[in-house]
């Protein structure tokens, strides 16, 4: 019987060792995933705070767009400035819809001529 008990003790110790390494590997995996998430989140937050620089001015380096929505009368538009980097929309003003377009040149009035 001592041989059976020895095998049983050996088997039990191997199972305990395997269970220990299984728990250690799974726990370390989750610690790595959580640590990487916290690190990347902190890097993104700090990068965003540094890029703002404390100013809310919209820059004119091509990252903003001007959107014109016509009002009910069709002559006036409500202008909105959209910042593509921060995804913020700022109400600009209300003005004529055709102010940004080039004015058509006035042609000379058509005059009557006999056969020419």
PDB file of N, CA and C in Angstrom:
ATOM      1  N   UNK A   1       0.789  -1.197   0.000  1.00  0.00           N
ATOM      2  CA  UNK A   1       0.000   0.000   0.000  1.00  0.00           C
ATOM      3  C   UNK A   1       0.838   1.271   0.000  1.00  0.00           C
ATOM      4  N   UNK A   2       2.025   1.249   0.540  1.00  0.00           N
ATOM      5  CA  UNK A   2       2.800   2.479   0.528  1.00  0.00           C
ATOM      6  C   UNK A   2       3.097   2.944  -0.890  1.00  0.00           C
ATOM      7  N   UNK A   3       3.191   2.028  -1.854  1.00  0.00           N
ATOM      8  CA  UNK A   3       3.462   2.438  -3.228  1.00  0.00           C
ATOM      9  C   UNK A   3       2.273   3.209  -3.796  1.00  0.00           C
ATOM     10  N   UNK A   4       1.075   2.767  -3.453  1.00  0.00           N
ATOM     11  CA  UNK A   4      -0.134   3.439  -3.940  1.00  0.00           C
ATOM     12  C   UNK A   4      -0.219   4.845  -3.329  1.00  0.00           C
ATOM     13  N   UNK A   5       0.070   4.958  -2.042  1.00  0.00           N
ATOM     14  CA  UNK A   5       0.024   6.266  -1.394  1.00  0.00           C
ATOM     15  C   UNK A   5       1.098   7.192  -1.938  1.00  0.00           C
ATOM     16  N   UNK A   6       2.247   6.653  -2.256  1.00  0.00           N
ATOM     17  CA  UNK A   6       3.324   7.460  -2.810  1.00  0.00           C
ATOM     18  C   UNK A   6       2.931   8.003  -4.181  1.00  0.00           C
ATOM     19  N   UNK A   7       2.340   7.118  -5.003  1.00  0.00           N
ATOM     20  CA  UNK A   7       1.881   7.576  -6.326  1.00  0.00           C
ATOM     21  C   UNK A   7       0.785   8.629  -6.181  1.00  0.00           C
ATOM     22  N   UNK A   8      -0.111   8.417  -5.242  1.00  0.00           N
ATOM     23  CA  UNK A   8      -1.205   9.358  -5.034  1.00  0.00           C
ATOM     24  C   UNK A   8      -0.651  10.712  -4.580  1.00  0.00           C
ATOM     25  N   UNK A   9       0.332  10.694  -3.674  1.00  0.00           N
ATOM     26  CA  UNK A   9       0.949  11.942  -3.213  1.00  0.00           C
ATOM     27  C   UNK A   9       1.697  12.636  -4.353  1.00  0.00           C
ATOM     28  N   UNK A  10       2.393  11.846  -5.170  1.00  0.00           N
ATOM     29  CA  UNK A  10       3.116  12.410  -6.319  1.00  0.00           C
ATOM     30  C   UNK A  10       2.138  13.044  -7.313  1.00  0.00           C
ATOM     31  N   UNK A  11       1.053  12.338  -7.570  1.00  0.00           N
ATOM     32  CA  UNK A  11       0.048  12.851  -8.504  1.00  0.00           C
ATOM     33  C   UNK A  11      -0.590  14.130  -7.960  1.00  0.00           C
ATOM     34  N   UNK A  12      -0.895  14.147  -6.660  1.00  0.00           N
ATOM     35  CA  UNK A  12      -1.482  15.313  -6.038  1.00  0.00           C
ATOM     36  C   UNK A  12      -0.539  16.512  -6.105  1.00  0.00           C
ATOM     37  N   UNK A  13       0.737  16.297  -5.868  1.00  0.00           N
ATOM     38  CA  UNK A  13       1.698  17.407  -5.931  1.00  0.00           C
ATOM     39  C   UNK A  13       1.852  17.912  -7.366  1.00  0.00           C
ATOM     40  N   UNK A  14       1.795  17.027  -8.355  1.00  0.00           N
ATOM     41  CA  UNK A  14       1.867  17.461  -9.753  1.00  0.00           C
ATOM     42  C   UNK A  14       0.632  18.281 -10.136  1.00  0.00           C
ATOM     43  N   UNK A  15      -0.537  17.853  -9.652  1.00  0.00           N
ATOM     44  CA  UNK A  15      -1.765  18.601  -9.928  1.00  0.00           C
ATOM     45  C   UNK A  15      -1.721  19.985  -9.274  1.00  0.00           C
ATOM     46  N   UNK A  16      -1.217  20.032  -8.060  1.00  0.00           N
ATOM     47  CA  UNK A  16      -1.111  21.327  -7.379  1.00  0.00           C
ATOM     48  C   UNK A  16      -0.132  22.247  -8.103  1.00  0.00           C
ATOM     49  N   UNK A  17       0.982  21.697  -8.558  1.00  0.00           N
ATOM     50  CA  UNK A  17       1.971  22.489  -9.290  1.00  0.00           C
ATOM     51  C   UNK A  17       1.366  22.990 -10.610  1.00  0.00           C
ATOM     52  N   UNK A  18       0.644  22.133 -11.309  1.00  0.00           N
ATOM     53  CA  UNK A  18       0.012  22.539 -12.576  1.00  0.00           C
ATOM     54  C   UNK A  18      -1.051  23.614 -12.323  1.00  0.00           C
ATOM     55  N   UNK A  19      -1.833  23.450 -11.260  1.00  0.00           N
ATOM     56  CA  UNK A  19      -2.857  24.436 -10.942  1.00  0.00           C
ATOM     57  C   UNK A  19      -2.220  25.781 -10.573  1.00  0.00           C
ATOM     58  N   UNK A  20      -1.098  25.743  -9.820  1.00  0.00           N
ATOM     59  CA  UNK A  20      -0.400  26.963  -9.464  1.00  0.00           C
ATOM     60  C   UNK A  20       0.079  27.706 -10.707  1.00  0.00           C
ATOM     61  N   UNK A  21       0.712  26.997 -11.649  1.00  0.00           N
ATOM     62  CA  UNK A  21       1.204  27.657 -12.854  1.00  0.00           C
ATOM     63  C   UNK A  21       0.060  28.145 -13.738  1.00  0.00           C
ATOM     64  N   UNK A  22      -1.023  27.412 -13.760  1.00  0.00           N
ATOM     65  CA  UNK A  22      -2.190  27.847 -14.535  1.00  0.00           C
ATOM     66  C   UNK A  22      -2.728  29.170 -13.981  1.00  0.00           C
ATOM     67  N   UNK A  23      -2.891  29.245 -12.674  1.00  0.00           N
ATOM     68  CA  UNK A  23      -3.388  30.467 -12.036  1.00  0.00           C
ATOM     69  C   UNK A  23      -2.385  31.603 -12.224  1.00  0.00           C
ATOM     70  N   UNK A  24      -1.099  31.321 -12.117  1.00  0.00           N
ATOM     71  CA  UNK A  24      -0.078  32.356 -12.276  1.00  0.00           C
ATOM     72  C   UNK A  24      -0.083  32.919 -13.695  1.00  0.00           C
ATOM     73  N   UNK A  25      -0.203  32.063 -14.701  1.00  0.00           N
ATOM     74  CA  UNK A  25      -0.197  32.525 -16.098  1.00  0.00           C
ATOM     75  C   UNK A  25      -1.447  33.349 -16.397  1.00  0.00           C
ATOM     76  N   UNK A  26      -2.607  32.874 -15.995  1.00  0.00           N
ATOM     77  CA  UNK A  26      -3.854  33.604 -16.258  1.00  0.00           C
ATOM     78  C   UNK A  26      -3.851  34.955 -15.527  1.00  0.00           C
ATOM     79  N   UNK A  27      -3.399  34.975 -14.283  1.00  0.00           N
ATOM     80  CA  UNK A  27      -3.358  36.227 -13.525  1.00  0.00           C
ATOM     81  C   UNK A  27      -2.383  37.222 -14.149  1.00  0.00           C
ATOM     82  N   UNK A  28      -1.221  36.744 -14.566  1.00  0.00           N
ATOM     83  CA  UNK A  28      -0.249  37.656 -15.183  1.00  0.00           C
ATOM     84  C   UNK A  28      -0.776  38.192 -16.517  1.00  0.00           C
ATOM     85  N   UNK A  29      -1.515  37.374 -17.264  1.00  0.00           N
ATOM     86  CA  UNK A  29      -2.106  37.849 -18.512  1.00  0.00           C
ATOM     87  C   UNK A  29      -3.069  39.009 -18.244  1.00  0.00           C
ATOM     88  N   UNK A  30      -3.941  38.843 -17.273  1.00  0.00           N
ATOM     89  CA  UNK A  30      -4.886  39.911 -16.962  1.00  0.00           C
ATOM     90  C   UNK A  30      -4.184  41.148 -16.415  1.00  0.00           C
ATOM     91  N   UNK A  31      -3.152  40.964 -15.627  1.00  0.00           N
ATOM     92  CA  UNK A  31      -2.389  42.117 -15.138  1.00  0.00           C
ATOM     93  C   UNK A  31      -1.730  42.874 -16.287  1.00  0.00           C
ATOM     94  N   UNK A  32      -1.199  42.152 -17.269  1.00  0.00           N
ATOM     95  CA  UNK A  32      -0.584  42.802 -18.424  1.00  0.00           C
ATOM     96  C   UNK A  32      -1.628  43.561 -19.231  1.00  0.00           C
ATOM     97  N   UNK A  33      -2.787  42.960 -19.444  1.00  0.00           N
ATOM     98  CA  UNK A  33      -3.845  43.628 -20.222  1.00  0.00           C
ATOM     99  C   UNK A  33      -4.332  44.886 -19.512  1.00  0.00           C
ATOM    100  N   UNK A  34      -4.580  44.801 -18.215  1.00  0.00           N
ATOM    101  CA  UNK A  34      -5.046  45.968 -17.468  1.00  0.00           C
ATOM    102  C   UNK A  34      -3.960  47.042 -17.419  1.00  0.00           C
ATOM    103  N   UNK A  35      -2.711  46.648 -17.199  1.00  0.00           N
ATOM    104  CA  UNK A  35      -1.607  47.616 -17.155  1.00  0.00           C
ATOM    105  C   UNK A  35      -1.414  48.321 -18.484  1.00  0.00           C
ATOM    106  N   UNK A  36      -1.497  47.567 -19.589  1.00  0.00           N
ATOM    107  CA  UNK A  36      -1.344  48.182 -20.907  1.00  0.00           C
ATOM    108  C   UNK A  36      -2.496  49.147 -21.189  1.00  0.00           C
ATOM    109  N   UNK A  37      -3.701  48.789 -20.802  1.00  0.00           N
ATOM    110  CA  UNK A  37      -4.842  49.680 -21.006  1.00  0.00           C
ATOM    111  C   UNK A  37      -4.679  50.977 -20.219  1.00  0.00           C
ATOM    112  N   UNK A  38      -4.263  50.860 -18.976  1.00  0.00           N
ATOM    113  CA  UNK A  38      -4.051  52.068 -18.166  1.00  0.00           C
ATOM    114  C   UNK A  38      -2.930  52.930 -18.740  1.00  0.00           C
ATOM    115  N   UNK A  39      -1.862  52.311 -19.182  1.00  0.00           N
ATOM    116  CA  UNK A  39      -0.741  53.061 -19.744  1.00  0.00           C
ATOM    117  C   UNK A  39      -1.154  53.789 -21.019  1.00  0.00           C
ATOM    118  N   UNK A  40      -1.813  53.078 -21.939  1.00  0.00           N
ATOM    119  CA  UNK A  40      -2.237  53.716 -23.195  1.00  0.00           C
ATOM    120  C   UNK A  40      -3.267  54.811 -22.940  1.00  0.00           C
ATOM    121  N   UNK A  41      -4.168  54.594 -22.007  1.00  0.00           N
ATOM    122  CA  UNK A  41      -5.149  55.625 -21.670  1.00  0.00           C
ATOM    123  C   UNK A  41      -4.475  56.875 -21.119  1.00  0.00           C
ATOM    124  N   UNK A  42      -3.503  56.689 -20.255  1.00  0.00           N
ATOM    125  CA  UNK A  42      -2.788  57.840 -19.697  1.00  0.00           C
ATOM    126  C   UNK A  42      -2.019  58.582 -20.778  1.00  0.00           C
ATOM    127  N   UNK A  43      -1.394  57.850 -21.702  1.00  0.00           N
ATOM    128  CA  UNK A  43      -0.653  58.497 -22.787  1.00  0.00           C
ATOM    129  C   UNK A  43      -1.602  59.312 -23.667  1.00  0.00           C
ATOM    130  N   UNK A  44      -2.763  58.766 -23.965  1.00  0.00           N
ATOM    131  CA  UNK A  44      -3.717  59.482 -24.810  1.00  0.00           C
ATOM    132  C   UNK A  44      -4.257  60.729 -24.110  1.00  0.00           C
ATOM    133  N   UNK A  45      -4.556  60.628 -22.844  1.00  0.00           N
ATOM    134  CA  UNK A  45      -5.082  61.782 -22.103  1.00  0.00           C
ATOM    135  C   UNK A  45      -4.025  62.874 -22.004  1.00  0.00           C
ATOM    136  N   UNK A  46      -2.809  62.499 -21.663  1.00  0.00           N
ATOM    137  CA  UNK A  46      -1.743  63.496 -21.546  1.00  0.00           C
ATOM    138  C   UNK A  46      -1.459  64.129 -22.900  1.00  0.00           C
ATOM    139  N   UNK A  47      -1.466  63.346 -23.973  1.00  0.00           N
ATOM    140  CA  UNK A  47      -1.249  63.898 -25.311  1.00  0.00           C
ATOM    141  C   UNK A  47      -2.333  64.876 -25.703  1.00  0.00           C
ATOM    142  N   UNK A  48      -3.565  64.580 -25.342  1.00  0.00           N
ATOM    143  CA  UNK A  48      -4.666  65.490 -25.655  1.00  0.00           C
ATOM    144  C   UNK A  48      -4.545  66.782 -24.865  1.00  0.00           C
ATOM    145  N   UNK A  49      -4.188  66.670 -23.598  1.00  0.00           N
ATOM    146  CA  UNK A  49      -4.054  67.875 -22.783  1.00  0.00           C
ATOM    147  C   UNK A  49      -2.896  68.750 -23.258  1.00  0.00           C
ATOM    148  N   UNK A  50      -1.817  68.139 -23.688  1.00  0.00           N
ATOM    149  CA  UNK A  50      -0.676  68.924 -24.178  1.00  0.00           C
ATOM    150  C   UNK A  50      -0.966  69.574 -25.523  1.00  0.00           C
ATOM    151  N   UNK A  51      -1.716  68.893 -26.393  1.00  0.00           N
ATOM    152  CA  UNK A  51      -1.971  69.458 -27.720  1.00  0.00           C
ATOM    153  C   UNK A  51      -2.921  70.638 -27.659  1.00  0.00           C
ATOM    154  N   UNK A  52      -3.801  70.682 -26.652  1.00  0.00           N
ATOM    155  CA  UNK A  52      -4.713  71.818 -26.532  1.00  0.00           C
ATOM    156  C   UNK A  52      -3.958  73.081 -26.176  1.00  0.00           C
ATOM    157  N   UNK A  53      -2.982  72.990 -25.335  1.00  0.00           N
ATOM    158  CA  UNK A  53      -2.187  74.149 -24.965  1.00  0.00           C
ATOM    159  C   UNK A  53      -2.964  75.195 -24.196  1.00  0.00           C
ATOM    160  N   UNK A  54      -4.148  74.878 -23.742  1.00  0.00           N
ATOM    161  CA  UNK A  54      -4.929  75.822 -22.961  1.00  0.00           C
ATOM    162  C   UNK A  54      -5.692  76.830 -23.802  1.00  0.00           C
ATOM    163  N   UNK A  55      -5.627  76.736 -25.106  1.00  0.00           N
ATOM    164  CA  UNK A  55      -6.348  77.685 -25.944  1.00  0.00           C
ATOM    165  C   UNK A  55      -7.474  76.970 -26.659  1.00  0.00           C
ATOM    166  N   UNK A  56      -8.564  77.665 -26.833  1.00  0.00           N
ATOM    167  CA  UNK A  56      -9.702  77.119 -27.554  1.00  0.00           C
ATOM    168  C   UNK A  56      -9.863  77.780 -28.916  1.00  0.00           C
ATOM    169  N   UNK A  57      -8.844  78.494 -29.352  1.00  0.00           N
ATOM    170  CA  UNK A  57      -8.930  79.155 -30.647  1.00  0.00           C
ATOM    171  C   UNK A  57      -8.880  78.128 -31.761  1.00  0.00           C
ATOM    172  N   UNK A  58      -9.647  78.382 -32.788  1.00  0.00           N
ATOM    173  CA  UNK A  58      -9.606  77.516 -33.954  1.00  0.00           C
ATOM    174  C   UNK A  58      -8.491  77.992 -34.861  1.00  0.00           C
ATOM    175  N   UNK A  59      -7.713  77.090 -35.323  1.00  0.00           N
ATOM    176  CA  UNK A  59      -6.589  77.463 -36.178  1.00  0.00           C
ATOM    177  C   UNK A  59      -7.019  77.463 -37.630  1.00  0.00           C
ATOM    178  N   UNK A  60      -6.233  78.158 -38.424  1.00  0.00           N
ATOM    179  CA  UNK A  60      -6.543  78.278 -39.844  1.00  0.00           C
ATOM    180  C   UNK A  60      -5.592  77.420 -40.673  1.00  0.00           C
ATOM    181  N   UNK A  61      -5.167  76.290 -40.148  1.00  0.00           N
ATOM    182  CA  UNK A  61      -4.241  75.443 -40.888  1.00  0.00           C
ATOM    183  C   UNK A  61      -4.962  74.357 -41.678  1.00  0.00           C
ATOM    184  N   UNK A  62      -6.222  74.547 -41.980  1.00  0.00           N
ATOM    185  CA  UNK A  62      -6.955  73.613 -42.817  1.00  0.00           C
ATOM    186  C   UNK A  62      -7.689  72.538 -42.045  1.00  0.00           C
ATOM    187  N   UNK A  63      -7.690  72.612 -40.749  1.00  0.00           N
ATOM    188  CA  UNK A  63      -8.387  71.577 -40.008  1.00  0.00           C
ATOM    189  C   UNK A  63      -9.819  71.962 -39.684  1.00  0.00           C
ATOM    190  N   UNK A  64     -10.221  73.181 -40.006  1.00  0.00           N
ATOM    191  CA  UNK A  64     -11.587  73.610 -39.740  1.00  0.00           C
ATOM    192  C   UNK A  64     -12.353  73.754 -41.043  1.00  0.00           C
ATOM    193  N   UNK A  65     -13.651  73.611 -40.930  1.00  0.00           N
ATOM    194  CA  UNK A  65     -14.526  73.784 -42.080  1.00  0.00           C
ATOM    195  C   UNK A  65     -15.681  74.684 -41.710  1.00  0.00           C
ATOM    196  N   UNK A  66     -16.195  75.390 -42.692  1.00  0.00           N
ATOM    197  CA  UNK A  66     -17.305  76.310 -42.448  1.00  0.00           C
ATOM    198  C   UNK A  66     -18.550  75.727 -43.094  1.00  0.00           C
ATOM    199  N   UNK A  67     -19.581  75.543 -42.302  1.00  0.00           N
ATOM    200  CA  UNK A  67     -20.831  74.949 -42.769  1.00  0.00           C
ATOM    201  C   UNK A  67     -21.889  76.035 -42.782  1.00  0.00           C
ATOM    202  N   UNK A  68     -22.622  76.122 -43.883  1.00  0.00           N
ATOM    203  CA  UNK A  68     -23.694  77.110 -43.997  1.00  0.00           C
ATOM    204  C   UNK A  68     -25.025  76.373 -44.112  1.00  0.00           C
ATOM    205  N   UNK A  69     -25.933  76.664 -43.177  1.00  0.00           N
ATOM    206  CA  UNK A  69     -27.281  76.092 -43.224  1.00  0.00           C
ATOM    207  C   UNK A  69     -28.244  77.225 -43.523  1.00  0.00           C
ATOM    208  N   UNK A  70     -29.034  77.054 -44.565  1.00  0.00           N
ATOM    209  CA  UNK A  70     -29.947  78.131 -44.934  1.00  0.00           C
ATOM    210  C   UNK A  70     -31.123  78.180 -43.971  1.00  0.00           C
ATOM    211  N   UNK A  71     -31.574  79.394 -43.717  1.00  0.00           N
ATOM    212  CA  UNK A  71     -32.738  79.596 -42.867  1.00  0.00           C
ATOM    213  C   UNK A  71     -33.998  79.453 -43.705  1.00  0.00           C
ATOM    214  N   UNK A  72     -35.135  79.681 -43.087  1.00  0.00           N
ATOM    215  CA  UNK A  72     -36.410  79.449 -43.767  1.00  0.00           C
ATOM    216  C   UNK A  72     -36.624  80.363 -44.969  1.00  0.00           C
ATOM    217  N   UNK A  73     -36.105  81.587 -44.931  1.00  0.00           N
ATOM    218  CA  UNK A  73     -36.346  82.520 -46.033  1.00  0.00           C
ATOM    219  C   UNK A  73     -35.477  82.209 -47.252  1.00  0.00           C
ATOM    220  N   UNK A  74     -34.393  81.474 -47.081  1.00  0.00           N
ATOM    221  CA  UNK A  74     -33.538  81.112 -48.203  1.00  0.00           C
ATOM    222  C   UNK A  74     -32.491  82.154 -48.556  1.00  0.00           C
ATOM    223  N   UNK A  75     -32.568  83.328 -47.984  1.00  0.00           N
ATOM    224  CA  UNK A  75     -31.603  84.383 -48.281  1.00  0.00           C
ATOM    225  C   UNK A  75     -30.486  84.426 -47.245  1.00  0.00           C
ATOM    226  N   UNK A  76     -30.800  84.078 -46.028  1.00  0.00           N
ATOM    227  CA  UNK A  76     -29.822  84.130 -44.951  1.00  0.00           C
ATOM    228  C   UNK A  76     -29.416  82.716 -44.539  1.00  0.00           C
ATOM    229  N   UNK A  77     -28.172  82.595 -44.091  1.00  0.00           N
ATOM    230  CA  UNK A  77     -27.630  81.307 -43.662  1.00  0.00           C
ATOM    231  C   UNK A  77     -27.075  81.412 -42.252  1.00  0.00           C
ATOM    232  N   UNK A  78     -27.139  80.319 -41.551  1.00  0.00           N
ATOM    233  CA  UNK A  78     -26.545  80.208 -40.217  1.00  0.00           C
ATOM    234  C   UNK A  78     -25.212  79.488 -40.407  1.00  0.00           C
ATOM    235  N   UNK A  79     -24.113  80.170 -40.112  1.00  0.00           N
ATOM    236  CA  UNK A  79     -22.774  79.611 -40.326  1.00  0.00           C
ATOM    237  C   UNK A  79     -22.281  78.923 -39.062  1.00  0.00           C
ATOM    238  N   UNK A  80     -21.667  77.754 -39.250  1.00  0.00           N
ATOM    239  CA  UNK A  80     -21.101  76.973 -38.161  1.00  0.00           C
ATOM    240  C   UNK A  80     -19.673  76.600 -38.552  1.00  0.00           C
ATOM    241  N   UNK A  81     -18.742  76.735 -37.628  1.00  0.00           N
ATOM    242  CA  UNK A  81     -17.352  76.333 -37.870  1.00  0.00           C
ATOM    243  C   UNK A  81     -17.140  75.000 -37.164  1.00  0.00           C
ATOM    244  N   UNK A  82     -16.649  74.004 -37.924  1.00  0.00           N
ATOM    245  CA  UNK A  82     -16.428  72.660 -37.393  1.00  0.00           C
ATOM    246  C   UNK A  82     -14.939  72.363 -37.373  1.00  0.00           C
ATOM    247  N   UNK A  83     -14.432  71.976 -36.218  1.00  0.00           N
ATOM    248  CA  UNK A  83     -13.023  71.621 -36.061  1.00  0.00           C
ATOM    249  C   UNK A  83     -12.892  70.115 -36.259  1.00  0.00           C
ATOM    250  N   UNK A  84     -12.168  69.698 -37.290  1.00  0.00           N
ATOM    251  CA  UNK A  84     -12.049  68.285 -37.612  1.00  0.00           C
ATOM    252  C   UNK A  84     -11.213  67.514 -36.603  1.00  0.00           C
ATOM    253  N   UNK A  85     -10.268  68.159 -35.954  1.00  0.00           N
ATOM    254  CA  UNK A  85      -9.395  67.449 -35.016  1.00  0.00           C
ATOM    255  C   UNK A  85     -10.101  67.160 -33.698  1.00  0.00           C
ATOM    256  N   UNK A  86     -10.789  68.148 -33.176  1.00  0.00           N
ATOM    257  CA  UNK A  86     -11.438  67.971 -31.877  1.00  0.00           C
ATOM    258  C   UNK A  86     -12.913  67.633 -32.001  1.00  0.00           C
ATOM    259  N   UNK A  87     -13.489  67.712 -33.182  1.00  0.00           N
ATOM    260  CA  UNK A  87     -14.900  67.421 -33.444  1.00  0.00           C
ATOM    261  C   UNK A  87     -15.828  68.367 -32.677  1.00  0.00           C
ATOM    262  N   UNK A  88     -15.414  69.617 -32.543  1.00  0.00           N
ATOM    263  CA  UNK A  88     -16.238  70.633 -31.896  1.00  0.00           C
ATOM    264  C   UNK A  88     -16.842  71.532 -32.970  1.00  0.00           C
ATOM    265  N   UNK A  89     -18.103  71.849 -32.791  1.00  0.00           N
ATOM    266  CA  UNK A  89     -18.782  72.776 -33.691  1.00  0.00           C
ATOM    267  C   UNK A  89     -19.061  74.063 -32.919  1.00  0.00           C
ATOM    268  N   UNK A  90     -18.724  75.197 -33.549  1.00  0.00           N
ATOM    269  CA  UNK A  90     -18.918  76.493 -32.920  1.00  0.00           C
ATOM    270  C   UNK A  90     -19.824  77.317 -33.825  1.00  0.00           C
ATOM    271  N   UNK A  91     -20.880  77.884 -33.233  1.00  0.00           N
ATOM    272  CA  UNK A  91     -21.777  78.731 -34.015  1.00  0.00           C
ATOM    273  C   UNK A  91     -21.057  80.023 -34.349  1.00  0.00           C
ATOM    274  N   UNK A  92     -21.070  80.383 -35.636  1.00  0.00           N
ATOM    275  CA  UNK A  92     -20.330  81.572 -36.059  1.00  0.00           C
ATOM    276  C   UNK A  92     -21.240  82.790 -36.094  1.00  0.00           C
ATOM    277  N   UNK A  93     -22.133  82.841 -37.062  1.00  0.00           N
ATOM    278  CA  UNK A  93     -23.004  84.010 -37.190  1.00  0.00           C
ATOM    279  C   UNK A  93     -24.082  83.717 -38.203  1.00  0.00           C
ATOM    280  N   UNK A  94     -24.953  84.675 -38.391  1.00  0.00           N
ATOM    281  CA  UNK A  94     -25.983  84.595 -39.424  1.00  0.00           C
ATOM    282  C   UNK A  94     -25.679  85.676 -40.444  1.00  0.00           C
ATOM    283  N   UNK A  95     -25.653  85.298 -41.706  1.00  0.00           N
ATOM    284  CA  UNK A  95     -25.351  86.253 -42.771  1.00  0.00           C
ATOM    285  C   UNK A  95     -26.000  85.818 -44.072  1.00  0.00           C
ATOM    286  N   UNK A  96     -25.764  86.589 -45.103  1.00  0.00           N
ATOM    287  CA  UNK A  96     -26.347  86.268 -46.407  1.00  0.00           C
ATOM    288  C   UNK A  96     -25.695  85.005 -46.949  1.00  0.00           C
ATOM    289  N   UNK A  97     -26.489  84.189 -47.611  1.00  0.00           N
ATOM    290  CA  UNK A  97     -25.980  82.917 -48.130  1.00  0.00           C
ATOM    291  C   UNK A  97     -25.030  83.103 -49.302  1.00  0.00           C
ATOM    292  N   UNK A  98     -25.174  84.178 -50.048  1.00  0.00           N
ATOM    293  CA  UNK A  98     -24.366  84.360 -51.251  1.00  0.00           C
ATOM    294  C   UNK A  98     -23.106  85.189 -51.001  1.00  0.00           C
ATOM    295  N   UNK A  99     -22.776  85.486 -49.764  1.00  0.00           N
ATOM    296  CA  UNK A  99     -21.628  86.352 -49.520  1.00  0.00           C
ATOM    297  C   UNK A  99     -20.296  85.670 -49.810  1.00  0.00           C
ATOM    298  N   UNK A 100     -20.232  84.379 -49.735  1.00  0.00           N
ATOM    299  CA  UNK A 100     -18.982  83.687 -50.020  1.00  0.00           C
ATOM    300  C   UNK A 100     -18.786  83.399 -51.498  1.00  0.00           C
ATOM    301  N   UNK A 101     -19.824  83.500 -52.261  1.00  0.00           N
ATOM    302  CA  UNK A 101     -19.739  83.208 -53.693  1.00  0.00           C
ATOM    303  C   UNK A 101     -19.285  84.451 -54.443  1.00  0.00           C
ATOM    304  N   UNK A 102     -18.659  84.199 -55.557  1.00  0.00           N
ATOM    305  CA  UNK A 102     -18.247  85.341 -56.376  1.00  0.00           C
ATOM    306  C   UNK A 102     -19.475  85.935 -57.056  1.00  0.00           C
ATOM    307  N   UNK A 103     -19.482  87.246 -57.164  1.00  0.00           N
ATOM    308  CA  UNK A 103     -20.611  87.940 -57.780  1.00  0.00           C
ATOM    309  C   UNK A 103     -20.529  87.788 -59.289  1.00  0.00           C
ATOM    310  N   UNK A 104     -21.635  87.501 -59.923  1.00  0.00           N
ATOM    311  CA  UNK A 104     -21.597  87.399 -61.384  1.00  0.00           C
ATOM    312  C   UNK A 104     -21.380  88.779 -61.999  1.00  0.00           C
ATOM    313  N   UNK A 105     -20.599  88.801 -63.077  1.00  0.00           N
ATOM    314  CA  UNK A 105     -20.359  90.084 -63.744  1.00  0.00           C
ATOM    315  C   UNK A 105     -21.624  90.528 -64.444  1.00  0.00           C
ATOM    316  N   UNK A 106     -21.856  91.808 -64.368  1.00  0.00           N
ATOM    317  CA  UNK A 106     -23.025  92.342 -65.048  1.00  0.00           C
ATOM    318  C   UNK A 106     -22.675  92.520 -66.517  1.00  0.00           C
ATOM    319  N   UNK A 107     -23.485  91.932 -67.331  1.00  0.00           N
ATOM    320  CA  UNK A 107     -23.256  92.057 -68.775  1.00  0.00           C
ATOM    321  C   UNK A 107     -23.962  93.315 -69.279  1.00  0.00           C
ATOM    322  N   UNK A 108     -23.424  93.823 -70.336  1.00  0.00           N
ATOM    323  CA  UNK A 108     -24.058  94.998 -70.946  1.00  0.00           C
ATOM    324  C   UNK A 108     -25.442  94.586 -71.443  1.00  0.00           C
ATOM    325  N   UNK A 109     -26.402  95.472 -71.279  1.00  0.00           N
ATOM    326  CA  UNK A 109     -27.754  95.116 -71.739  1.00  0.00           C
ATOM    327  C   UNK A 109     -27.755  94.888 -73.250  1.00  0.00           C
ATOM    328  N   UNK A 110     -28.561  93.956 -73.649  1.00  0.00           N
ATOM    329  CA  UNK A 110     -28.655  93.630 -75.061  1.00  0.00           C
ATOM    330  C   UNK A 110     -29.333  94.792 -75.780  1.00  0.00           C
ATOM    331  N   UNK A 111     -28.688  95.243 -76.837  1.00  0.00           N
ATOM    332  CA  UNK A 111     -29.265  96.335 -77.625  1.00  0.00           C
ATOM    333  C   UNK A 111     -29.760  95.780 -78.943  1.00  0.00           C
ATOM    334  N   UNK A 112     -30.741  96.452 -79.459  1.00  0.00           N
ATOM    335  CA  UNK A 112     -31.306  96.024 -80.728  1.00  0.00           C
ATOM    336  C   UNK A 112     -30.433  96.485 -81.879  1.00  0.00           C
ATOM    337  N   UNK A 113     -30.193  95.601 -82.834  1.00  0.00           N
ATOM    338  CA  UNK A 113     -29.465  95.999 -84.041  1.00  0.00           C
ATOM    339  C   UNK A 113     -30.150  95.343 -85.230  1.00  0.00           C
ATOM    340  N   UNK A 114     -30.102  96.039 -86.376  1.00  0.00           N
ATOM    341  CA  UNK A 114     -30.749  95.553 -87.584  1.00  0.00           C
ATOM    342  C   UNK A 114     -29.810  94.594 -88.293  1.00  0.00           C
ATOM    343  N   UNK A 115     -29.979  93.320 -88.192  1.00  0.00           N
ATOM    344  CA  UNK A 115     -29.253  92.325 -88.967  1.00  0.00           C
ATOM    345  C   UNK A 115     -27.824  92.108 -88.548  1.00  0.00           C
ATOM    346  N   UNK A 116     -27.376  92.606 -87.567  1.00  0.00           N
ATOM    347  CA  UNK A 116     -25.984  92.361 -87.171  1.00  0.00           C
ATOM    348  C   UNK A 116     -25.910  91.336 -86.119  1.00  0.00           C
TER     349      UNK A 116
END
